[in-house]
Amino acid sequence: MHPAIRFRRATALSLTAFISLAALGQTAPAPSPDAAVTLAPMVVTGVQPGPALWKVSKDGHVMWVLGTTSPLPKGMHWDSSKLERLIASSQQVLRPPAMEIGVKAGFWGQLFLIPSMVGLKKLPDGETLQQVLPSDLYRRWLVQKNKYLRYSWGVERLRPTFAGDKLYTAALSHSGLTDGDVVEKAVYAAAGRDKVAITNTSYRLMLADPRSAAKQFKQMTMQDQQCLADALDAIDQDFSQATERANAWATGDLQALGKILSVRQQDDCLSAIGSTDFAKKIGMTDLPSRERLAWIKAAEAALTHDAQSVALLPMENILGGNGYLSGLQADGYTVQSPDRR
């Protein structure tokens, strides 16, 4: 997986989840060669079929799994008609895996937490990126910051992870790609029209003392410089692999997606978070496994109780190592990939 994609996912899984803790109480036929022309690193536009669907079944119950990816081409219009028909005849739609952090407090308790949440994204003790980054990394950051975030005041005081996230988002908008959730929005809109239940599959971590946790987080030193370096690497490489990934998804090219996802690389952002004493203290460890188990549990519940369901699952969780669907297969479910039906 491309470093920047890992970077975005880790931020969404962990740090962003913690910062938003007070608010809690991703078979169509293969397209013909003429359907679209993909010339990497060009980004495909127009109406695209998207990937086909995986079929999971047992005892007459069926779940259709749509593999998702991000980023996607800005100008792409996804043909969701087949999936919308499946949703209309389903009993529930499963959200993609995620992590949520909640608090054991009522409404007023959560309200009083808000002051302690302020400043969580900032470096501790009023430090700046220039003070905490190696000089060569800071010079690289400054070049891209002046290009994409020239008028973004205060970004120099953000932790490297959050500064990189902000920079990556700004650079992405110039690349012909978008990190938007166009696919999820289309799926949820279809479910809403047909009054189909939308099920949360998140792994939830509850905090007994969130105010103390927020205070500890503000003072925590995190070795996340490499996380920022990953974002800079992606931008320096003109999002070439991200573009290939987006094109492969839009045109339904599972072979290309599998090739891109076959190279497993170290997730520097997630490693930086999970290795801190803070993360270990609150139980924010082994997040990929916890998230995987939570999604599989929700999927098996749907397959037990409903005749038909639809699920969203990131492509890396399908085609990558230790895939979620292989977990269902190990539990006795039949899994059919699009190219085998």
C-alpha atoms as a PDB file:
ATOM      1  CA  MET A   1       0.000   0.000   0.000  1.00  0.00           C
ATOM      2  CA  HIS A   2       1.247   3.478  -0.794  1.00  0.00           C
ATOM      3  CA  PRO A   3       2.778   5.287   2.209  1.00  0.00           C
ATOM      4  CA  ALA A   4       0.326   8.170   1.962  1.00  0.00           C
ATOM      5  CA  ILE A   5      -2.652   5.830   1.927  1.00  0.00           C
ATOM      6  CA  ARG A   6      -1.331   4.122   5.056  1.00  0.00           C
ATOM      7  CA  PHE A   7      -0.743   7.576   6.504  1.00  0.00           C
ATOM      8  CA  ARG A   8      -4.325   8.709   5.941  1.00  0.00           C
ATOM      9  CA  ARG A   9      -5.792   5.484   7.279  1.00  0.00           C
ATOM     10  CA  ALA A  10      -3.704   5.505  10.450  1.00  0.00           C
ATOM     11  CA  THR A  11      -4.685   9.064  11.253  1.00  0.00           C
ATOM     12  CA  ALA A  12      -8.362   8.279  10.803  1.00  0.00           C
ATOM     13  CA  LEU A  13      -8.095   5.123  12.892  1.00  0.00           C
ATOM     14  CA  SER A  14      -6.301   6.513  15.875  1.00  0.00           C
ATOM     15  CA  LEU A  15      -5.503  10.131  16.571  1.00  0.00           C
ATOM     16  CA  THR A  16      -8.604  11.582  14.940  1.00  0.00           C
ATOM     17  CA  ALA A  17     -10.696   9.036  16.790  1.00  0.00           C
ATOM     18  CA  PHE A  18      -9.192  10.154  20.087  1.00  0.00           C
ATOM     19  CA  ILE A  19      -9.703  13.837  19.357  1.00  0.00           C
ATOM     20  CA  SER A  20     -13.383  13.253  18.630  1.00  0.00           C
ATOM     21  CA  LEU A  21     -13.949  11.021  21.665  1.00  0.00           C
ATOM     22  CA  ALA A  22     -16.375  13.439  23.338  1.00  0.00           C
ATOM     23  CA  ALA A  23     -18.836  13.051  20.470  1.00  0.00           C
ATOM     24  CA  LEU A  24     -19.524   9.320  21.020  1.00  0.00           C
ATOM     25  CA  GLY A  25     -22.263   8.491  24.075  1.00  0.00           C
ATOM     26  CA  GLN A  26     -15.666   1.421   2.884  1.00  0.00           C
ATOM     27  CA  THR A  27     -21.386 -10.080  -9.753  1.00  0.00           C
ATOM     28  CA  ALA A  28     -20.817  -7.255 -12.177  1.00  0.00           C
ATOM     29  CA  PRO A  29     -19.170  -8.380 -15.407  1.00  0.00           C
ATOM     30  CA  ALA A  30     -15.631  -7.192 -16.007  1.00  0.00           C
ATOM     31  CA  PRO A  31     -15.612  -4.002 -18.115  1.00  0.00           C
ATOM     32  CA  SER A  32     -14.684  -4.374 -21.752  1.00  0.00           C
ATOM     33  CA  PRO A  33     -11.332  -2.981 -22.904  1.00  0.00           C
ATOM     34  CA  ASP A  34     -13.249  -0.168 -24.593  1.00  0.00           C
ATOM     35  CA  ALA A  35     -15.025   0.877 -21.393  1.00  0.00           C
ATOM     36  CA  ALA A  36     -12.220   3.209 -20.294  1.00  0.00           C
ATOM     37  CA  VAL A  37      -8.675   4.084 -21.230  1.00  0.00           C
ATOM     38  CA  THR A  38      -6.164   4.278 -18.388  1.00  0.00           C
ATOM     39  CA  LEU A  39      -2.777   5.839 -18.995  1.00  0.00           C
ATOM     40  CA  ALA A  40      -1.020   6.207 -15.642  1.00  0.00           C
ATOM     41  CA  PRO A  41      -0.471   8.625 -14.142  1.00  0.00           C
ATOM     42  CA  MET A  42      -3.481  10.139 -15.929  1.00  0.00           C
ATOM     43  CA  VAL A  43      -6.756   9.941 -13.991  1.00  0.00           C
ATOM     44  CA  VAL A  44      -9.805   8.404 -15.612  1.00  0.00           C
ATOM     45  CA  THR A  45     -12.980  10.474 -15.886  1.00  0.00           C
ATOM     46  CA  GLY A  46     -16.554   9.944 -16.989  1.00  0.00           C
ATOM     47  CA  VAL A  47     -18.883   7.121 -15.958  1.00  0.00           C
ATOM     48  CA  GLN A  48     -16.936   4.150 -14.558  1.00  0.00           C
ATOM     49  CA  PRO A  49     -18.224   0.764 -13.347  1.00  0.00           C
ATOM     50  CA  GLY A  50     -16.105   0.502 -10.225  1.00  0.00           C
ATOM     51  CA  PRO A  51     -15.087  -2.965  -8.998  1.00  0.00           C
ATOM     52  CA  ALA A  52     -17.293  -6.021  -9.043  1.00  0.00           C
ATOM     53  CA  LEU A  53     -18.692  -7.543  -5.859  1.00  0.00           C
ATOM     54  CA  TRP A  54     -17.545 -10.398  -3.654  1.00  0.00           C
ATOM     55  CA  LYS A  55     -20.244 -12.861  -2.606  1.00  0.00           C
ATOM     56  CA  VAL A  56     -20.225 -14.360   0.890  1.00  0.00           C
ATOM     57  CA  SER A  57     -22.851 -17.002   1.634  1.00  0.00           C
ATOM     58  CA  LYS A  58     -23.960 -19.696   4.071  1.00  0.00           C
ATOM     59  CA  ASP A  59     -27.239 -21.574   4.568  1.00  0.00           C
ATOM     60  CA  GLY A  60     -29.006 -19.523   1.916  1.00  0.00           C
ATOM     61  CA  HIS A  61     -27.954 -16.156   3.405  1.00  0.00           C
ATOM     62  CA  VAL A  62     -25.881 -13.829   1.201  1.00  0.00           C
ATOM     63  CA  MET A  63     -23.702 -10.768   1.739  1.00  0.00           C
ATOM     64  CA  TRP A  64     -22.433  -8.704  -1.200  1.00  0.00           C
ATOM     65  CA  VAL A  65     -19.137  -6.971  -0.416  1.00  0.00           C
ATOM     66  CA  LEU A  66     -18.034  -3.876  -2.328  1.00  0.00           C
ATOM     67  CA  GLY A  67     -14.311  -3.161  -2.130  1.00  0.00           C
ATOM     68  CA  THR A  68     -13.573   0.551  -1.685  1.00  0.00           C
ATOM     69  CA  THR A  69     -10.446   2.635  -2.078  1.00  0.00           C
ATOM     70  CA  SER A  70      -9.252   6.177  -1.594  1.00  0.00           C
ATOM     71  CA  PRO A  71      -8.360   8.510  -3.213  1.00  0.00           C
ATOM     72  CA  LEU A  72     -10.538   8.421  -6.346  1.00  0.00           C
ATOM     73  CA  PRO A  73     -10.599  10.477  -9.555  1.00  0.00           C
ATOM     74  CA  LYS A  74     -12.304  13.849  -9.070  1.00  0.00           C
ATOM     75  CA  GLY A  75     -14.164  13.696 -12.379  1.00  0.00           C
ATOM     76  CA  MET A  76     -15.342  10.123 -12.016  1.00  0.00           C
ATOM     77  CA  HIS A  77     -19.056   9.340 -11.957  1.00  0.00           C
ATOM     78  CA  TRP A  78     -19.588   5.920 -10.423  1.00  0.00           C
ATOM     79  CA  ASP A  79     -22.293   3.703 -11.913  1.00  0.00           C
ATOM     80  CA  SER A  80     -23.912   2.418  -8.718  1.00  0.00           C
ATOM     81  CA  SER A  81     -27.159   1.154 -10.285  1.00  0.00           C
ATOM     82  CA  LYS A  82     -26.480  -2.549  -9.705  1.00  0.00           C
ATOM     83  CA  LEU A  83     -25.452  -2.039  -6.100  1.00  0.00           C
ATOM     84  CA  GLU A  84     -28.505   0.160  -5.482  1.00  0.00           C
ATOM     85  CA  ARG A  85     -30.752  -2.693  -6.656  1.00  0.00           C
ATOM     86  CA  LEU A  86     -29.004  -5.074  -4.278  1.00  0.00           C
ATOM     87  CA  ILE A  87     -29.382  -2.613  -1.405  1.00  0.00           C
ATOM     88  CA  ALA A  88     -33.099  -2.241  -2.111  1.00  0.00           C
ATOM     89  CA  SER A  89     -33.582  -5.991  -1.568  1.00  0.00           C
ATOM     90  CA  SER A  90     -31.287  -6.191   1.474  1.00  0.00           C
ATOM     91  CA  GLN A  91     -32.007  -5.902   5.188  1.00  0.00           C
ATOM     92  CA  GLN A  92     -28.884  -3.972   6.200  1.00  0.00           C
ATOM     93  CA  VAL A  93     -25.739  -2.250   4.950  1.00  0.00           C
ATOM     94  CA  LEU A  94     -22.503  -2.622   6.917  1.00  0.00           C
ATOM     95  CA  ARG A  95     -20.208   0.356   7.253  1.00  0.00           C
ATOM     96  CA  PRO A  96     -16.471  -0.156   6.650  1.00  0.00           C
ATOM     97  CA  PRO A  97     -14.224  -0.996   9.612  1.00  0.00           C
ATOM     98  CA  ALA A  98     -13.157   1.863  11.847  1.00  0.00           C
ATOM     99  CA  MET A  99     -12.226   2.724  15.402  1.00  0.00           C
ATOM    100  CA  GLU A 100     -14.160   4.883  17.832  1.00  0.00           C
ATOM    101  CA  ILE A 101     -13.182   6.098  21.274  1.00  0.00           C
ATOM    102  CA  GLY A 102     -16.007   6.796  23.689  1.00  0.00           C
ATOM    103  CA  VAL A 103     -16.402   8.169  27.179  1.00  0.00           C
ATOM    104  CA  LYS A 104     -18.295   6.788  30.124  1.00  0.00           C
ATOM    105  CA  ALA A 105     -20.179  10.012  30.731  1.00  0.00           C
ATOM    106  CA  GLY A 106     -23.606  11.481  30.052  1.00  0.00           C
ATOM    107  CA  PHE A 107     -24.366  14.562  27.995  1.00  0.00           C
ATOM    108  CA  TRP A 108     -23.241  17.083  30.612  1.00  0.00           C
ATOM    109  CA  GLY A 109     -20.129  15.104  31.398  1.00  0.00           C
ATOM    110  CA  GLN A 110     -19.204  15.149  27.699  1.00  0.00           C
ATOM    111  CA  LEU A 111     -19.965  18.871  27.490  1.00  0.00           C
ATOM    112  CA  PHE A 112     -17.560  19.645  30.324  1.00  0.00           C
ATOM    113  CA  LEU A 113     -14.856  17.681  28.496  1.00  0.00           C
ATOM    114  CA  ILE A 114     -14.708  20.149  25.610  1.00  0.00           C
ATOM    115  CA  PRO A 115     -12.183  22.560  27.212  1.00  0.00           C
ATOM    116  CA  SER A 116      -9.759  19.691  27.871  1.00  0.00           C
ATOM    117  CA  MET A 117      -9.919  18.670  24.199  1.00  0.00           C
ATOM    118  CA  VAL A 118      -8.670  22.019  22.903  1.00  0.00           C
ATOM    119  CA  GLY A 119      -5.122  21.915  21.573  1.00  0.00           C
ATOM    120  CA  LEU A 120      -4.786  18.143  21.199  1.00  0.00           C
ATOM    121  CA  LYS A 121      -3.413  18.461  17.665  1.00  0.00           C
ATOM    122  CA  LYS A 122      -0.653  20.837  18.705  1.00  0.00           C
ATOM    123  CA  LEU A 123       2.891  20.037  19.695  1.00  0.00           C
ATOM    124  CA  PRO A 124       3.413  20.102  23.474  1.00  0.00           C
ATOM    125  CA  ASP A 125       5.026  23.035  25.289  1.00  0.00           C
ATOM    126  CA  GLY A 126       4.469  25.490  22.423  1.00  0.00           C
ATOM    127  CA  GLU A 127       7.037  23.817  20.185  1.00  0.00           C
ATOM    128  CA  THR A 128       7.104  24.229  16.408  1.00  0.00           C
ATOM    129  CA  LEU A 129       7.901  21.841  13.583  1.00  0.00           C
ATOM    130  CA  GLN A 130      11.196  23.609  12.992  1.00  0.00           C
ATOM    131  CA  GLN A 131      12.213  22.744  16.544  1.00  0.00           C
ATOM    132  CA  VAL A 132      11.209  19.067  16.510  1.00  0.00           C
ATOM    133  CA  LEU A 133      11.988  17.940  12.948  1.00  0.00           C
ATOM    134  CA  PRO A 134      15.449  17.008  11.615  1.00  0.00           C
ATOM    135  CA  SER A 135      16.751  19.877   9.476  1.00  0.00           C
ATOM    136  CA  ASP A 136      16.590  17.954   6.184  1.00  0.00           C
ATOM    137  CA  LEU A 137      13.000  16.845   6.819  1.00  0.00           C
ATOM    138  CA  TYR A 138      11.984  20.365   7.808  1.00  0.00           C
ATOM    139  CA  ARG A 139      13.437  21.762   4.572  1.00  0.00           C
ATOM    140  CA  ARG A 140      11.377  19.251   2.580  1.00  0.00           C
ATOM    141  CA  TRP A 141       8.286  20.170   4.588  1.00  0.00           C
ATOM    142  CA  LEU A 142       8.851  23.881   4.008  1.00  0.00           C
ATOM    143  CA  VAL A 143       9.032  23.452   0.217  1.00  0.00           C
ATOM    144  CA  GLN A 144       5.675  21.689   0.064  1.00  0.00           C
ATOM    145  CA  LYS A 145       4.092  23.880   2.718  1.00  0.00           C
ATOM    146  CA  ASN A 146       4.931  27.007   0.725  1.00  0.00           C
ATOM    147  CA  LYS A 147       3.413  25.379  -2.348  1.00  0.00           C
ATOM    148  CA  TYR A 148       0.153  24.078  -0.878  1.00  0.00           C
ATOM    149  CA  LEU A 149      -0.328  25.714   2.548  1.00  0.00           C
ATOM    150  CA  ARG A 150       1.140  29.168   2.087  1.00  0.00           C
ATOM    151  CA  TYR A 151      -1.712  30.890   3.898  1.00  0.00           C
ATOM    152  CA  SER A 152      -2.412  28.240   6.512  1.00  0.00           C
ATOM    153  CA  TRP A 153      -1.536  29.958   9.757  1.00  0.00           C
ATOM    154  CA  GLY A 154      -0.768  27.808  12.771  1.00  0.00           C
ATOM    155  CA  VAL A 155       0.210  24.676  10.836  1.00  0.00           C
ATOM    156  CA  GLU A 156       3.796  25.007  12.134  1.00  0.00           C
ATOM    157  CA  ARG A 157       2.563  24.254  15.644  1.00  0.00           C
ATOM    158  CA  LEU A 158       0.811  21.005  14.716  1.00  0.00           C
ATOM    159  CA  ARG A 159       2.215  17.582  15.526  1.00  0.00           C
ATOM    160  CA  PRO A 160       3.944  16.061  12.469  1.00  0.00           C
ATOM    161  CA  THR A 161       1.097  13.595  11.900  1.00  0.00           C
ATOM    162  CA  PHE A 162      -1.549  16.331  11.740  1.00  0.00           C
ATOM    163  CA  ALA A 163       0.647  18.699   9.752  1.00  0.00           C
ATOM    164  CA  GLY A 164       1.232  15.931   7.216  1.00  0.00           C
ATOM    165  CA  ASP A 165      -2.488  15.183   7.051  1.00  0.00           C
ATOM    166  CA  LYS A 166      -3.290  18.806   6.333  1.00  0.00           C
ATOM    167  CA  LEU A 167      -0.573  19.054   3.677  1.00  0.00           C
ATOM    168  CA  TYR A 168      -1.577  15.785   2.009  1.00  0.00           C
ATOM    169  CA  THR A 169      -5.213  16.899   1.758  1.00  0.00           C
ATOM    170  CA  ALA A 170      -4.224  20.217   0.193  1.00  0.00           C
ATOM    171  CA  ALA A 171      -1.855  18.585  -2.301  1.00  0.00           C
ATOM    172  CA  LEU A 172      -4.420  15.934  -3.190  1.00  0.00           C
ATOM    173  CA  SER A 173      -6.902  18.543  -4.361  1.00  0.00           C
ATOM    174  CA  HIS A 174      -4.329  19.691  -6.959  1.00  0.00           C
ATOM    175  CA  SER A 175      -3.669  16.183  -8.270  1.00  0.00           C
ATOM    176  CA  GLY A 176      -6.929  15.306 -10.024  1.00  0.00           C
ATOM    177  CA  LEU A 177      -7.822  13.004  -7.124  1.00  0.00           C
ATOM    178  CA  THR A 178     -10.125  13.392  -4.170  1.00  0.00           C
ATOM    179  CA  ASP A 179     -10.110  11.792  -0.744  1.00  0.00           C
ATOM    180  CA  GLY A 180     -13.874  12.202  -0.540  1.00  0.00           C
ATOM    181  CA  ASP A 181     -16.280   9.424   0.364  1.00  0.00           C
ATOM    182  CA  VAL A 182     -18.318   9.528  -2.854  1.00  0.00           C
ATOM    183  CA  VAL A 183     -18.871   5.765  -2.830  1.00  0.00           C
ATOM    184  CA  GLU A 184     -19.979   5.608   0.806  1.00  0.00           C
ATOM    185  CA  LYS A 185     -22.318   8.576   0.332  1.00  0.00           C
ATOM    186  CA  ALA A 186     -23.971   6.901  -2.662  1.00  0.00           C
ATOM    187  CA  VAL A 187     -24.418   3.659  -0.721  1.00  0.00           C
ATOM    188  CA  TYR A 188     -25.855   5.343   2.378  1.00  0.00           C
ATOM    189  CA  ALA A 189     -28.164   7.513   0.281  1.00  0.00           C
ATOM    190  CA  ALA A 190     -29.532   4.395  -1.432  1.00  0.00           C
ATOM    191  CA  ALA A 191     -30.017   2.695   1.935  1.00  0.00           C
ATOM    192  CA  GLY A 192     -31.833   5.755   3.243  1.00  0.00           C
ATOM    193  CA  ARG A 193     -34.211   5.876   0.261  1.00  0.00           C
ATOM    194  CA  ASP A 194     -35.125   2.222   0.714  1.00  0.00           C
ATOM    195  CA  LYS A 195     -35.191   2.380   4.521  1.00  0.00           C
ATOM    196  CA  VAL A 196     -32.441  -0.220   4.850  1.00  0.00           C
ATOM    197  CA  ALA A 197     -30.597  -0.271   8.186  1.00  0.00           C
ATOM    198  CA  ILE A 198     -27.009   0.981   8.220  1.00  0.00           C
ATOM    199  CA  THR A 199     -24.867  -0.925  10.726  1.00  0.00           C
ATOM    200  CA  ASN A 200     -21.772   0.424  12.466  1.00  0.00           C
ATOM    201  CA  THR A 201     -18.942  -2.118  12.503  1.00  0.00           C
ATOM    202  CA  SER A 202     -16.419  -0.048  14.475  1.00  0.00           C
ATOM    203  CA  TYR A 203     -14.203  -1.320  17.231  1.00  0.00           C
ATOM    204  CA  ARG A 204     -15.078   0.805  20.261  1.00  0.00           C
ATOM    205  CA  LEU A 205     -12.696   1.694  23.055  1.00  0.00           C
ATOM    206  CA  MET A 206     -14.313   3.269  26.133  1.00  0.00           C
ATOM    207  CA  LEU A 207     -12.359   5.618  28.424  1.00  0.00           C
ATOM    208  CA  ALA A 208     -13.225   5.869  32.099  1.00  0.00           C
ATOM    209  CA  ASP A 209     -11.226   9.090  32.617  1.00  0.00           C
ATOM    210  CA  PRO A 210     -11.093  10.981  29.306  1.00  0.00           C
ATOM    211  CA  ARG A 211     -10.047  14.284  30.881  1.00  0.00           C
ATOM    212  CA  SER A 212      -6.902  12.675  32.284  1.00  0.00           C
ATOM    213  CA  ALA A 213      -6.289  10.936  28.950  1.00  0.00           C
ATOM    214  CA  ALA A 214      -6.565  14.246  27.074  1.00  0.00           C
ATOM    215  CA  LYS A 215      -4.108  15.859  29.481  1.00  0.00           C
ATOM    216  CA  GLN A 216      -1.622  13.017  28.985  1.00  0.00           C
ATOM    217  CA  PHE A 217      -1.996  13.192  25.214  1.00  0.00           C
ATOM    218  CA  LYS A 218      -1.210  16.911  25.151  1.00  0.00           C
ATOM    219  CA  GLN A 219       2.090  16.296  26.915  1.00  0.00           C
ATOM    220  CA  MET A 220       2.970  13.130  25.003  1.00  0.00           C
ATOM    221  CA  THR A 221       6.045  13.033  22.805  1.00  0.00           C
ATOM    222  CA  MET A 222       5.422  10.876  19.761  1.00  0.00           C
ATOM    223  CA  GLN A 223       8.027   9.703  17.258  1.00  0.00           C
ATOM    224  CA  ASP A 224       5.856  10.500  14.240  1.00  0.00           C
ATOM    225  CA  GLN A 225       8.377  12.343  12.055  1.00  0.00           C
ATOM    226  CA  GLN A 226       8.402   9.390   9.636  1.00  0.00           C
ATOM    227  CA  CYS A 227       4.648   9.730   9.277  1.00  0.00           C
ATOM    228  CA  LEU A 228       5.166  13.247   7.891  1.00  0.00           C
ATOM    229  CA  ALA A 229       8.023  11.952   5.722  1.00  0.00           C
ATOM    230  CA  ASP A 230       5.630   9.389   4.193  1.00  0.00           C
ATOM    231  CA  ALA A 231       3.227  12.144   3.174  1.00  0.00           C
ATOM    232  CA  LEU A 232       6.066  14.158   1.654  1.00  0.00           C
ATOM    233  CA  ASP A 233       7.265  11.075  -0.250  1.00  0.00           C
ATOM    234  CA  ALA A 234       3.828  10.634  -1.788  1.00  0.00           C
ATOM    235  CA  ILE A 235       3.637  14.269  -2.829  1.00  0.00           C
ATOM    236  CA  ASP A 236       7.183  14.252  -4.242  1.00  0.00           C
ATOM    237  CA  GLN A 237       6.265  11.222  -6.350  1.00  0.00           C
ATOM    238  CA  ASP A 238       3.246  13.073  -7.798  1.00  0.00           C
ATOM    239  CA  PHE A 239       0.821  10.541  -6.322  1.00  0.00           C
ATOM    240  CA  SER A 240       1.802   8.097  -9.080  1.00  0.00           C
ATOM    241  CA  GLN A 241       0.821   4.938  -7.202  1.00  0.00           C
ATOM    242  CA  ALA A 242      -2.274   6.571  -5.733  1.00  0.00           C
ATOM    243  CA  THR A 243      -3.350   7.445  -9.268  1.00  0.00           C
ATOM    244  CA  GLU A 244      -2.743   3.888 -10.491  1.00  0.00           C
ATOM    245  CA  ARG A 245      -4.768   2.602  -7.550  1.00  0.00           C
ATOM    246  CA  ALA A 246      -7.660   4.988  -8.243  1.00  0.00           C
ATOM    247  CA  ASN A 247      -7.685   4.116 -11.955  1.00  0.00           C
ATOM    248  CA  ALA A 248      -7.664   0.389 -11.216  1.00  0.00           C
ATOM    249  CA  TRP A 249     -10.633   0.730  -8.862  1.00  0.00           C
ATOM    250  CA  ALA A 250     -12.617   2.933 -11.262  1.00  0.00           C
ATOM    251  CA  THR A 251     -12.190   0.502 -14.162  1.00  0.00           C
ATOM    252  CA  GLY A 252     -12.682  -2.659 -12.102  1.00  0.00           C
ATOM    253  CA  ASP A 253      -9.118  -3.906 -12.693  1.00  0.00           C
ATOM    254  CA  LEU A 254      -8.721  -6.312  -9.782  1.00  0.00           C
ATOM    255  CA  GLN A 255      -5.460  -7.696 -11.149  1.00  0.00           C
ATOM    256  CA  ALA A 256      -3.838  -4.263 -11.006  1.00  0.00           C
ATOM    257  CA  LEU A 257      -5.257  -3.606  -7.536  1.00  0.00           C
ATOM    258  CA  GLY A 258      -3.917  -6.916  -6.290  1.00  0.00           C
ATOM    259  CA  LYS A 259      -0.467  -6.101  -7.629  1.00  0.00           C
ATOM    260  CA  ILE A 260      -0.429  -2.707  -5.921  1.00  0.00           C
ATOM    261  CA  LEU A 261      -1.585  -4.196  -2.615  1.00  0.00           C
ATOM    262  CA  SER A 262       0.758  -7.187  -2.761  1.00  0.00           C
ATOM    263  CA  VAL A 263       3.665  -5.181  -1.358  1.00  0.00           C
ATOM    264  CA  ARG A 264       3.232  -4.963   2.389  1.00  0.00           C
ATOM    265  CA  GLN A 265       5.101  -2.072   3.957  1.00  0.00           C
ATOM    266  CA  GLN A 266       5.596  -0.884   7.505  1.00  0.00           C
ATOM    267  CA  ASP A 267       2.821   1.440   8.669  1.00  0.00           C
ATOM    268  CA  ASP A 268       4.924   4.208  10.195  1.00  0.00           C
ATOM    269  CA  CYS A 269       1.980   6.247  11.474  1.00  0.00           C
ATOM    270  CA  LEU A 270       0.244   3.375  13.201  1.00  0.00           C
ATOM    271  CA  SER A 271       3.540   2.146  14.648  1.00  0.00           C
ATOM    272  CA  ALA A 272       4.312   5.594  16.042  1.00  0.00           C
ATOM    273  CA  ILE A 273       0.943   5.741  17.767  1.00  0.00           C
ATOM    274  CA  GLY A 274       0.762   2.193  19.068  1.00  0.00           C
ATOM    275  CA  SER A 275       4.276   2.214  20.523  1.00  0.00           C
ATOM    276  CA  THR A 276       3.644   5.113  22.920  1.00  0.00           C
ATOM    277  CA  ASP A 277       3.122   4.525  26.640  1.00  0.00           C
ATOM    278  CA  PHE A 278      -0.076   6.568  26.332  1.00  0.00           C
ATOM    279  CA  ALA A 279      -1.550   4.177  23.743  1.00  0.00           C
ATOM    280  CA  LYS A 280      -0.621   1.156  25.827  1.00  0.00           C
ATOM    281  CA  LYS A 281      -2.143   2.695  28.950  1.00  0.00           C
ATOM    282  CA  ILE A 282      -5.560   3.335  27.412  1.00  0.00           C
ATOM    283  CA  GLY A 283      -5.597   0.079  25.416  1.00  0.00           C
ATOM    284  CA  MET A 284      -5.053   1.625  21.975  1.00  0.00           C
ATOM    285  CA  THR A 285      -2.862  -1.258  20.864  1.00  0.00           C
ATOM    286  CA  ASP A 286      -3.075  -3.942  18.165  1.00  0.00           C
ATOM    287  CA  LEU A 287      -5.661  -1.812  16.386  1.00  0.00           C
ATOM    288  CA  PRO A 288      -5.708  -3.673  13.044  1.00  0.00           C
ATOM    289  CA  SER A 289      -6.589  -6.975  14.743  1.00  0.00           C
ATOM    290  CA  ARG A 290      -9.236  -5.419  16.969  1.00  0.00           C
ATOM    291  CA  GLU A 291     -10.823  -3.634  14.042  1.00  0.00           C
ATOM    292  CA  ARG A 292     -10.769  -6.813  11.926  1.00  0.00           C
ATOM    293  CA  LEU A 293     -12.476  -8.881  14.635  1.00  0.00           C
ATOM    294  CA  ALA A 294     -15.170  -6.235  15.149  1.00  0.00           C
ATOM    295  CA  TRP A 295     -16.017  -6.172  11.421  1.00  0.00           C
ATOM    296  CA  ILE A 296     -16.067  -9.968  11.110  1.00  0.00           C
ATOM    297  CA  LYS A 297     -18.365 -10.201  14.140  1.00  0.00           C
ATOM    298  CA  ALA A 298     -20.789  -7.699  12.567  1.00  0.00           C
ATOM    299  CA  ALA A 299     -20.631  -9.496   9.200  1.00  0.00           C
ATOM    300  CA  GLU A 300     -21.352 -12.895  10.733  1.00  0.00           C
ATOM    301  CA  ALA A 301     -24.297 -11.450  12.659  1.00  0.00           C
ATOM    302  CA  ALA A 302     -25.739 -10.060   9.431  1.00  0.00           C
ATOM    303  CA  LEU A 303     -25.194 -13.357   7.609  1.00  0.00           C
ATOM    304  CA  THR A 304     -26.959 -15.195  10.428  1.00  0.00           C
ATOM    305  CA  HIS A 305     -30.024 -12.980  10.753  1.00  0.00           C
ATOM    306  CA  ASP A 306     -30.600 -11.520   7.269  1.00  0.00           C
ATOM    307  CA  ALA A 307     -31.382 -13.160   3.960  1.00  0.00           C
ATOM    308  CA  GLN A 308     -29.306 -10.537   2.149  1.00  0.00           C
ATOM    309  CA  SER A 309     -26.974  -7.726   3.153  1.00  0.00           C
ATOM    310  CA  VAL A 310     -24.411  -5.398   1.602  1.00  0.00           C
ATOM    311  CA  ALA A 311     -21.064  -4.432   3.112  1.00  0.00           C
ATOM    312  CA  LEU A 312     -18.351  -1.892   2.392  1.00  0.00           C
ATOM    313  CA  LEU A 313     -14.761  -3.009   2.901  1.00  0.00           C
ATOM    314  CA  PRO A 314     -11.499  -1.301   1.889  1.00  0.00           C
ATOM    315  CA  MET A 315      -9.652  -3.147  -0.863  1.00  0.00           C
ATOM    316  CA  GLU A 316      -6.554  -3.582   1.304  1.00  0.00           C
ATOM    317  CA  ASN A 317      -8.721  -5.564   3.757  1.00  0.00           C
ATOM    318  CA  ILE A 318      -9.848  -7.849   0.922  1.00  0.00           C
ATOM    319  CA  LEU A 319      -6.820  -8.274  -1.322  1.00  0.00           C
ATOM    320  CA  GLY A 320      -4.061  -7.645   1.221  1.00  0.00           C
ATOM    321  CA  GLY A 321      -2.530 -10.160   3.598  1.00  0.00           C
ATOM    322  CA  ASN A 322      -4.740 -11.527   6.398  1.00  0.00           C
ATOM    323  CA  GLY A 323      -7.860 -10.370   4.541  1.00  0.00           C
ATOM    324  CA  TYR A 324     -11.176 -10.022   6.326  1.00  0.00           C
ATOM    325  CA  LEU A 325     -12.996 -12.334   3.904  1.00  0.00           C
ATOM    326  CA  SER A 326     -10.448 -15.076   4.553  1.00  0.00           C
ATOM    327  CA  GLY A 327     -11.523 -14.826   8.189  1.00  0.00           C
ATOM    328  CA  LEU A 328     -15.127 -15.471   7.185  1.00  0.00           C
ATOM    329  CA  GLN A 329     -13.997 -18.345   4.986  1.00  0.00           C
ATOM    330  CA  ALA A 330     -12.135 -19.893   7.920  1.00  0.00           C
ATOM    331  CA  ASP A 331     -15.382 -19.735   9.920  1.00  0.00           C
ATOM    332  CA  GLY A 332     -17.226 -21.830   7.340  1.00  0.00           C
ATOM    333  CA  TYR A 333     -18.613 -19.207   4.956  1.00  0.00           C
ATOM    334  CA  THR A 334     -18.323 -19.555   1.187  1.00  0.00           C
ATOM    335  CA  VAL A 335     -16.490 -16.626  -0.415  1.00  0.00           C
ATOM    336  CA  GLN A 336     -16.631 -16.109  -4.186  1.00  0.00           C
ATOM    337  CA  SER A 337     -14.446 -13.462  -5.792  1.00  0.00           C
ATOM    338  CA  PRO A 338     -15.714 -11.539  -8.852  1.00  0.00           C
ATOM    339  CA  ASP A 339     -13.364 -13.346 -11.244  1.00  0.00           C
ATOM    340  CA  ARG A 340     -14.580 -16.783 -10.135  1.00  0.00           C
ATOM    341  CA  ARG A 341     -18.303 -16.386 -10.598  1.00  0.00           C
END
